[in-house]
C-alpha atoms as a PDB file:
ATOM      1  CA  MET A   1     111.140  84.239  99.851  1.00  0.00           C
ATOM      2  CA  ALA A   2     107.381  83.957  99.441  1.00  0.00           C
ATOM      3  CA  GLU A   3     105.229  86.253  97.347  1.00  0.00           C
ATOM      4  CA  HIS A   4     103.599  89.047  99.288  1.00  0.00           C
ATOM      5  CA  PRO A   5     100.023  90.338  99.316  1.00  0.00           C
ATOM      6  CA  PHE A   6     100.855  94.046  99.679  1.00  0.00           C
ATOM      7  CA  LEU A   7     101.455  95.367  96.144  1.00  0.00           C
ATOM      8  CA  ASP A   8      99.016  98.233  96.733  1.00  0.00           C
ATOM      9  CA  GLU A   9     100.057  98.836 100.350  1.00  0.00           C
ATOM     10  CA  PRO A  10     103.758  99.763 100.432  1.00  0.00           C
ATOM     11  CA  ASP A  11     103.679 100.599 104.144  1.00  0.00           C
ATOM     12  CA  ARG A  12     102.462  97.111 104.995  1.00  0.00           C
ATOM     13  CA  PHE A  13     105.057  95.657 102.592  1.00  0.00           C
ATOM     14  CA  PHE A  14     107.912  97.410 104.394  1.00  0.00           C
ATOM     15  CA  MET A  15     106.606  97.263 107.958  1.00  0.00           C
ATOM     16  CA  GLU A  16     104.940  93.820 107.980  1.00  0.00           C
ATOM     17  CA  TRP A  17     105.944  91.628 105.052  1.00  0.00           C
ATOM     18  CA  ILE A  18     109.692  92.299 105.015  1.00  0.00           C
ATOM     19  CA  PRO A  19     110.136  91.738 108.801  1.00  0.00           C
ATOM     20  CA  ALA A  20     108.000  88.557 108.629  1.00  0.00           C
ATOM     21  CA  GLN A  21     110.074  87.179 105.754  1.00  0.00           C
ATOM     22  CA  LEU A  22     113.348  88.023 107.492  1.00  0.00           C
ATOM     23  CA  ALA A  23     112.134  86.293 110.659  1.00  0.00           C
ATOM     24  CA  ALA A  24     111.088  83.226 108.660  1.00  0.00           C
ATOM     25  CA  HIS A  25     114.422  83.027 106.789  1.00  0.00           C
ATOM     26  CA  PRO A  26     117.253  83.593 109.290  1.00  0.00           C
ATOM     27  CA  ALA A  27     119.953  82.553 106.783  1.00  0.00           C
ATOM     28  CA  TYR A  28     118.729  85.188 104.338  1.00  0.00           C
ATOM     29  CA  ARG A  29     118.549  87.806 107.107  1.00  0.00           C
ATOM     30  CA  ALA A  30     122.156  87.022 108.057  1.00  0.00           C
ATOM     31  CA  GLN A  31     123.223  87.206 104.398  1.00  0.00           C
ATOM     32  CA  VAL A  32     121.647  90.620 103.839  1.00  0.00           C
ATOM     33  CA  GLY A  33     122.787  91.749 107.294  1.00  0.00           C
ATOM     34  CA  ARG A  34     126.448  91.208 106.355  1.00  0.00           C
ATOM     35  CA  ASP A  35     126.408  94.558 104.616  1.00  0.00           C
ATOM     36  CA  HIS A  36     126.788  97.557 106.897  1.00  0.00           C
ATOM     37  CA  ALA A  37     124.445  99.927 105.117  1.00  0.00           C
ATOM     38  CA  ILE A  38     121.330 102.028 105.452  1.00  0.00           C
ATOM     39  CA  ALA A  39     119.050 101.858 102.432  1.00  0.00           C
ATOM     40  CA  GLN A  40     116.397 104.540 102.124  1.00  0.00           C
ATOM     41  CA  ILE A  41     113.385 103.925  99.881  1.00  0.00           C
ATOM     42  CA  GLU A  42     111.204 106.821  98.767  1.00  0.00           C
ATOM     43  CA  LEU A  43     107.942 106.043  96.971  1.00  0.00           C
ATOM     44  CA  SER A  44     105.967 108.878  95.440  1.00  0.00           C
ATOM     45  CA  GLY A  45     102.263 108.908  94.653  1.00  0.00           C
ATOM     46  CA  GLU A  46      99.206 107.529  96.382  1.00  0.00           C
ATOM     47  CA  ARG A  47     100.171 105.383  99.394  1.00  0.00           C
ATOM     48  CA  GLY A  48     103.790 106.381  98.975  1.00  0.00           C
ATOM     49  CA  GLY A  49     106.171 107.268 101.748  1.00  0.00           C
ATOM     50  CA  THR A  50     109.725 106.880 102.970  1.00  0.00           C
ATOM     51  CA  TRP A  51     111.237 103.902 104.777  1.00  0.00           C
ATOM     52  CA  HIS A  52     114.771 102.927 105.649  1.00  0.00           C
ATOM     53  CA  VAL A  53     116.403  99.552 106.133  1.00  0.00           C
ATOM     54  CA  THR A  54     119.393  99.289 108.465  1.00  0.00           C
ATOM     55  CA  MET A  55     121.723  96.343 107.820  1.00  0.00           C
ATOM     56  CA  GLY A  56     124.742  95.155 109.758  1.00  0.00           C
ATOM     57  CA  ASP A  57     126.148  92.558 112.134  1.00  0.00           C
ATOM     58  CA  GLY A  58     123.853  89.897 110.641  1.00  0.00           C
ATOM     59  CA  GLU A  59     120.683  91.850 111.385  1.00  0.00           C
ATOM     60  CA  VAL A  60     118.198  93.855 109.331  1.00  0.00           C
ATOM     61  CA  ALA A  61     115.711  96.399 110.712  1.00  0.00           C
ATOM     62  CA  VAL A  62     113.014  98.359 108.872  1.00  0.00           C
ATOM     63  CA  ALA A  63     111.679 101.747 110.029  1.00  0.00           C
ATOM     64  CA  ARG A  64     109.297 104.392 108.715  1.00  0.00           C
ATOM     65  CA  GLY A  65     110.590 107.770 107.703  1.00  0.00           C
ATOM     66  CA  PRO A  66     113.853 109.146 106.399  1.00  0.00           C
ATOM     67  CA  HIS A  67     117.211 108.363 107.972  1.00  0.00           C
ATOM     68  CA  ALA A  68     119.597 111.217 108.804  1.00  0.00           C
ATOM     69  CA  ALA A  69     122.493 109.608 106.903  1.00  0.00           C
ATOM     70  CA  PRO A  70     121.469 106.824 104.508  1.00  0.00           C
ATOM     71  CA  SER A  71     124.195 104.979 102.588  1.00  0.00           C
ATOM     72  CA  PHE A  72     122.057 105.256  99.475  1.00  0.00           C
ATOM     73  CA  THR A  73     118.541 106.290  98.494  1.00  0.00           C
ATOM     74  CA  ILE A  74     116.275 104.733  95.893  1.00  0.00           C
ATOM     75  CA  ALA A  75     113.299 106.786  94.694  1.00  0.00           C
ATOM     76  CA  MET A  76     110.443 105.734  92.414  1.00  0.00           C
ATOM     77  CA  ALA A  77     106.691 105.983  91.958  1.00  0.00           C
ATOM     78  CA  VAL A  78     104.404 103.515  93.718  1.00  0.00           C
ATOM     79  CA  ASP A  79     103.374 102.215  90.280  1.00  0.00           C
ATOM     80  CA  THR A  80     107.024 101.433  89.434  1.00  0.00           C
ATOM     81  CA  PHE A  81     107.417  99.670  92.810  1.00  0.00           C
ATOM     82  CA  ARG A  82     104.345  97.546  92.021  1.00  0.00           C
ATOM     83  CA  LYS A  83     105.612  96.637  88.536  1.00  0.00           C
ATOM     84  CA  LEU A  84     109.021  95.675  89.923  1.00  0.00           C
ATOM     85  CA  ARG A  85     107.462  93.418  92.576  1.00  0.00           C
ATOM     86  CA  GLU A  86     105.216  91.799  89.939  1.00  0.00           C
ATOM     87  CA  GLY A  87     108.199  91.200  87.676  1.00  0.00           C
ATOM     88  CA  ARG A  88     106.691  93.280  84.848  1.00  0.00           C
ATOM     89  CA  ILE A  89     109.794  95.490  84.686  1.00  0.00           C
ATOM     90  CA  GLY A  90     113.389  94.968  85.725  1.00  0.00           C
ATOM     91  CA  VAL A  91     115.674  97.199  87.743  1.00  0.00           C
ATOM     92  CA  PRO A  92     118.251  97.840  84.960  1.00  0.00           C
ATOM     93  CA  GLY A  93     115.594  98.946  82.467  1.00  0.00           C
ATOM     94  CA  ALA A  94     113.772 101.062  85.035  1.00  0.00           C
ATOM     95  CA  LEU A  95     117.048 102.797  85.930  1.00  0.00           C
ATOM     96  CA  LEU A  96     117.890 103.441  82.280  1.00  0.00           C
ATOM     97  CA  ARG A  97     114.415 104.871  81.614  1.00  0.00           C
ATOM     98  CA  GLY A  98     114.624 107.099  84.690  1.00  0.00           C
ATOM     99  CA  LYS A  99     111.789 105.285  86.478  1.00  0.00           C
ATOM    100  CA  ILE A 100     114.125 104.669  89.427  1.00  0.00           C
ATOM    101  CA  LYS A 101     116.456 107.334  90.776  1.00  0.00           C
ATOM    102  CA  ALA A 102     119.396 106.384  92.968  1.00  0.00           C
ATOM    103  CA  ARG A 103     121.776 108.578  94.923  1.00  0.00           C
ATOM    104  CA  GLY A 104     124.479 108.029  97.477  1.00  0.00           C
ATOM    105  CA  SER A 105     127.054 105.227  97.511  1.00  0.00           C
ATOM    106  CA  PHE A 106     126.588 103.228  94.313  1.00  0.00           C
ATOM    107  CA  GLY A 107     129.236 100.746  95.493  1.00  0.00           C
ATOM    108  CA  THR A 108     127.183  99.962  98.584  1.00  0.00           C
ATOM    109  CA  LEU A 109     123.980  99.846  96.534  1.00  0.00           C
ATOM    110  CA  LEU A 110     125.503  97.262  94.169  1.00  0.00           C
ATOM    111  CA  LYS A 111     126.880  95.205  97.062  1.00  0.00           C
ATOM    112  CA  VAL A 112     123.511  95.124  98.837  1.00  0.00           C
ATOM    113  CA  GLY A 113     121.775  94.380  95.522  1.00  0.00           C
ATOM    114  CA  ARG A 114     123.950  91.302  94.968  1.00  0.00           C
ATOM    115  CA  ASN A 115     122.921  89.881  98.344  1.00  0.00           C
ATOM    116  CA  LEU A 116     119.236  90.636  97.754  1.00  0.00           C
ATOM    117  CA  LYS A 117     119.248  88.510  94.591  1.00  0.00           C
ATOM    118  CA  HIS A 118     119.626  85.333  96.636  1.00  0.00           C
ATOM    119  CA  GLU A 119     116.144  85.450  98.161  1.00  0.00           C
ATOM    120  CA  GLY A 120     115.123  82.451 100.177  1.00  0.00           C
ATOM    121  CA  SER A 121     118.604  80.982 100.598  1.00  0.00           C
END
């Protein structure tokens, strides 16, 4: 998938860039949509917020706000989000250093994570 211009605008990243990329890459959307899961992302700090991504039946939908029953939740600071997107830090190291907090179904999180690694396929 293409690089995005919204490192300092998480809301635009979730609400504009992700849907545009999914629309442009239907095979990737179907791949990620195989997992029946609801991922909630919570970003703290300036321009932070909460979004959730619903996956299933080959489709993926993004919405603002918390979900009543997410499969898993990932929480981090906006700065950590930016560094991850820039490739300056990796997920395993950020988890080990406590920069990313995860709760909920770790099995589902790992399964979704495996499919996300194949961007642009």
